[in-house]
Amino acid sequence: MLIPLPLAELDYSTTLKTAFYGLLAVGFLAAVVIGSIAWYNSKKPPGWEGAEKPDWVPGMDKEKSAKDSE
């Protein structure tokens, strides 16, 4: 006796759409997080010079990075 599974009834296009939208959401979230880290560690635009970065943004040592690239 076979038990019907709801997942077995899904066609391949539904699975692909779900995977695509999941990947799209994860990529967008990664872009926002990486962009935020880069922006907070860069030179601030006019008017934002005194802004402090949040605690969740990792610090970057500019001198160490410059020595590594030589």
N, C-alpha and C. Protein backbone atom coordinates (compact mmCIF):
# COMPACT_ATOMS: atom_id res chain seq x y z
N MET A 1 0.85 -1.18 0.00
CA MET A 1 0.00 0.00 0.00
C MET A 1 0.90 1.24 0.00
N LEU A 2 0.72 2.08 -0.99
CA LEU A 2 1.50 3.31 -1.10
C LEU A 2 0.78 4.46 -0.41
N ILE A 3 1.55 5.24 0.30
CA ILE A 3 1.00 6.43 0.97
C ILE A 3 1.35 7.63 0.10
N PRO A 4 0.35 8.37 -0.36
CA PRO A 4 0.65 9.54 -1.20
C PRO A 4 1.31 10.65 -0.38
N LEU A 5 2.38 11.17 -0.90
CA LEU A 5 3.08 12.27 -0.24
C LEU A 5 2.78 13.58 -0.97
N PRO A 6 2.53 14.65 -0.24
CA PRO A 6 2.25 15.92 -0.90
C PRO A 6 3.42 16.41 -1.76
N LEU A 7 4.64 16.11 -1.34
CA LEU A 7 5.80 16.57 -2.11
C LEU A 7 5.89 15.85 -3.45
N ALA A 8 5.42 14.61 -3.50
CA ALA A 8 5.49 13.85 -4.74
C ALA A 8 4.54 14.42 -5.79
N GLU A 9 3.53 15.13 -5.35
CA GLU A 9 2.56 15.70 -6.28
C GLU A 9 3.05 16.99 -6.92
N LEU A 10 4.09 17.60 -6.35
CA LEU A 10 4.63 18.83 -6.92
C LEU A 10 5.35 18.51 -8.22
N ASP A 11 5.16 19.37 -9.19
CA ASP A 11 5.88 19.16 -10.43
C ASP A 11 7.25 19.83 -10.36
N TYR A 12 8.06 19.55 -11.34
CA TYR A 12 9.45 20.01 -11.33
C TYR A 12 9.57 21.53 -11.38
N SER A 13 8.67 22.21 -12.07
CA SER A 13 8.75 23.67 -12.18
C SER A 13 8.51 24.35 -10.84
N THR A 14 7.64 23.78 -10.02
CA THR A 14 7.40 24.34 -8.69
C THR A 14 8.66 24.23 -7.83
N THR A 15 9.33 23.10 -7.92
CA THR A 15 10.57 22.90 -7.17
C THR A 15 11.64 23.88 -7.64
N LEU A 16 11.75 24.07 -8.94
CA LEU A 16 12.74 25.01 -9.47
C LEU A 16 12.44 26.44 -9.06
N LYS A 17 11.17 26.82 -9.10
CA LYS A 17 10.79 28.17 -8.68
C LYS A 17 11.11 28.40 -7.21
N THR A 18 10.82 27.42 -6.37
CA THR A 18 11.11 27.54 -4.95
C THR A 18 12.62 27.68 -4.72
N ALA A 19 13.40 26.85 -5.40
CA ALA A 19 14.86 26.92 -5.26
C ALA A 19 15.38 28.26 -5.77
N PHE A 20 14.84 28.74 -6.88
CA PHE A 20 15.28 30.01 -7.45
C PHE A 20 14.99 31.17 -6.50
N TYR A 21 13.77 31.23 -5.98
CA TYR A 21 13.42 32.33 -5.08
C TYR A 21 14.18 32.25 -3.76
N GLY A 22 14.45 31.05 -3.30
CA GLY A 22 15.27 30.89 -2.10
C GLY A 22 16.68 31.40 -2.32
N LEU A 23 17.26 31.03 -3.46
CA LEU A 23 18.61 31.48 -3.80
C LEU A 23 18.64 32.99 -4.00
N LEU A 24 17.60 33.53 -4.60
CA LEU A 24 17.51 34.97 -4.81
C LEU A 24 17.46 35.71 -3.46
N ALA A 25 16.69 35.20 -2.52
CA ALA A 25 16.58 35.83 -1.20
C ALA A 25 17.90 35.76 -0.45
N VAL A 26 18.56 34.61 -0.49
CA VAL A 26 19.85 34.46 0.20
C VAL A 26 20.90 35.37 -0.44
N GLY A 27 20.91 35.47 -1.75
CA GLY A 27 21.86 36.34 -2.44
C GLY A 27 21.64 37.81 -2.11
N PHE A 28 20.37 38.21 -2.06
CA PHE A 28 20.06 39.60 -1.72
C PHE A 28 20.50 39.90 -0.29
N LEU A 29 20.21 38.99 0.63
CA LEU A 29 20.62 39.19 2.02
C LEU A 29 22.14 39.26 2.14
N ALA A 30 22.85 38.41 1.43
CA ALA A 30 24.32 38.44 1.46
C ALA A 30 24.85 39.75 0.89
N ALA A 31 24.25 40.24 -0.18
CA ALA A 31 24.68 41.51 -0.77
C ALA A 31 24.47 42.67 0.19
N VAL A 32 23.35 42.67 0.90
CA VAL A 32 23.07 43.74 1.86
C VAL A 32 24.06 43.70 3.02
N VAL A 33 24.33 42.51 3.54
CA VAL A 33 25.26 42.39 4.68
C VAL A 33 26.68 42.76 4.26
N ILE A 34 27.15 42.25 3.14
CA ILE A 34 28.51 42.56 2.68
C ILE A 34 28.63 44.04 2.32
N GLY A 35 27.62 44.60 1.69
CA GLY A 35 27.63 46.03 1.37
C GLY A 35 27.63 46.90 2.61
N SER A 36 26.88 46.49 3.63
CA SER A 36 26.85 47.25 4.88
C SER A 36 28.21 47.23 5.57
N ILE A 37 28.83 46.07 5.61
CA ILE A 37 30.16 45.97 6.22
C ILE A 37 31.16 46.83 5.46
N ALA A 38 31.12 46.79 4.14
CA ALA A 38 32.04 47.60 3.34
C ALA A 38 31.78 49.09 3.54
N TRP A 39 30.52 49.48 3.61
CA TRP A 39 30.19 50.90 3.77
C TRP A 39 30.61 51.41 5.14
N TYR A 40 30.36 50.64 6.18
CA TYR A 40 30.72 51.09 7.53
C TYR A 40 32.23 51.14 7.72
N ASN A 41 32.99 50.35 6.98
CA ASN A 41 34.45 50.36 7.11
C ASN A 41 35.13 51.29 6.11
N SER A 42 34.37 51.98 5.29
CA SER A 42 34.96 52.89 4.31
C SER A 42 34.95 54.32 4.84
N LYS A 43 35.53 55.21 4.05
CA LYS A 43 35.49 56.63 4.39
C LYS A 43 34.04 57.11 4.26
N LYS A 44 33.58 57.81 5.26
CA LYS A 44 32.18 58.22 5.28
C LYS A 44 31.92 59.40 4.34
N PRO A 45 30.76 59.45 3.74
CA PRO A 45 30.40 60.58 2.89
C PRO A 45 30.17 61.84 3.73
N PRO A 46 30.15 63.02 3.12
CA PRO A 46 29.93 64.25 3.88
C PRO A 46 28.66 64.18 4.72
N GLY A 47 28.81 64.56 5.97
CA GLY A 47 27.68 64.53 6.89
C GLY A 47 27.65 63.28 7.75
N TRP A 48 28.42 62.27 7.40
CA TRP A 48 28.43 61.01 8.15
C TRP A 48 29.78 60.76 8.83
N GLU A 49 30.67 61.76 8.85
CA GLU A 49 32.02 61.55 9.38
C GLU A 49 32.02 61.11 10.85
N GLY A 50 31.10 61.66 11.64
CA GLY A 50 31.08 61.35 13.07
C GLY A 50 30.26 60.13 13.42
N ALA A 51 29.69 59.46 12.44
CA ALA A 51 28.84 58.30 12.72
C ALA A 51 29.69 57.13 13.19
N GLU A 52 29.21 56.46 14.23
CA GLU A 52 29.92 55.29 14.73
C GLU A 52 29.33 54.04 14.10
N LYS A 53 30.19 53.06 13.88
CA LYS A 53 29.70 51.83 13.27
C LYS A 53 29.04 50.96 14.34
N PRO A 54 28.08 50.15 13.95
CA PRO A 54 27.41 49.25 14.90
C PRO A 54 28.37 48.19 15.43
N ASP A 55 28.00 47.56 16.54
CA ASP A 55 28.86 46.55 17.15
C ASP A 55 28.98 45.28 16.30
N TRP A 56 27.99 45.00 15.47
CA TRP A 56 28.02 43.76 14.70
C TRP A 56 28.93 43.83 13.49
N VAL A 57 29.43 45.03 13.14
CA VAL A 57 30.32 45.18 11.99
C VAL A 57 31.75 44.90 12.43
N PRO A 58 32.42 43.92 11.81
CA PRO A 58 33.79 43.62 12.20
C PRO A 58 34.74 44.73 11.78
N GLY A 59 35.73 45.01 12.62
CA GLY A 59 36.72 46.03 12.30
C GLY A 59 37.74 45.49 11.32
N MET A 60 38.33 46.41 10.55
CA MET A 60 39.35 46.01 9.59
C MET A 60 40.59 46.87 9.83
N ASP A 61 41.75 46.23 9.91
CA ASP A 61 43.00 46.94 10.13
C ASP A 61 43.57 47.34 8.77
N LYS A 62 43.55 48.64 8.47
CA LYS A 62 44.00 49.11 7.16
C LYS A 62 45.50 48.93 6.97
N GLU A 63 46.29 49.13 8.03
CA GLU A 63 47.74 48.99 7.92
C GLU A 63 48.12 47.54 7.65
N LYS A 64 47.47 46.61 8.32
CA LYS A 64 47.77 45.20 8.11
C LYS A 64 47.40 44.78 6.69
N SER A 65 46.29 45.27 6.18
CA SER A 65 45.87 44.93 4.82
C SER A 65 46.85 45.49 3.80
N ALA A 66 47.38 46.69 4.03
CA ALA A 66 48.32 47.30 3.10
C ALA A 66 49.64 46.52 3.07
N LYS A 67 50.09 46.04 4.23
CA LYS A 67 51.33 45.27 4.28
C LYS A 67 51.18 43.92 3.60
N ASP A 68 50.00 43.32 3.73
CA ASP A 68 49.77 42.02 3.11
C ASP A 68 49.77 42.09 1.59
N SER A 69 49.35 43.22 1.05
CA SER A 69 49.25 43.34 -0.41
C SER A 69 50.60 43.61 -1.07
N GLU A 70 51.60 43.99 -0.30
CA GLU A 70 52.93 44.28 -0.88
C GLU A 70 53.71 43.03 -1.17
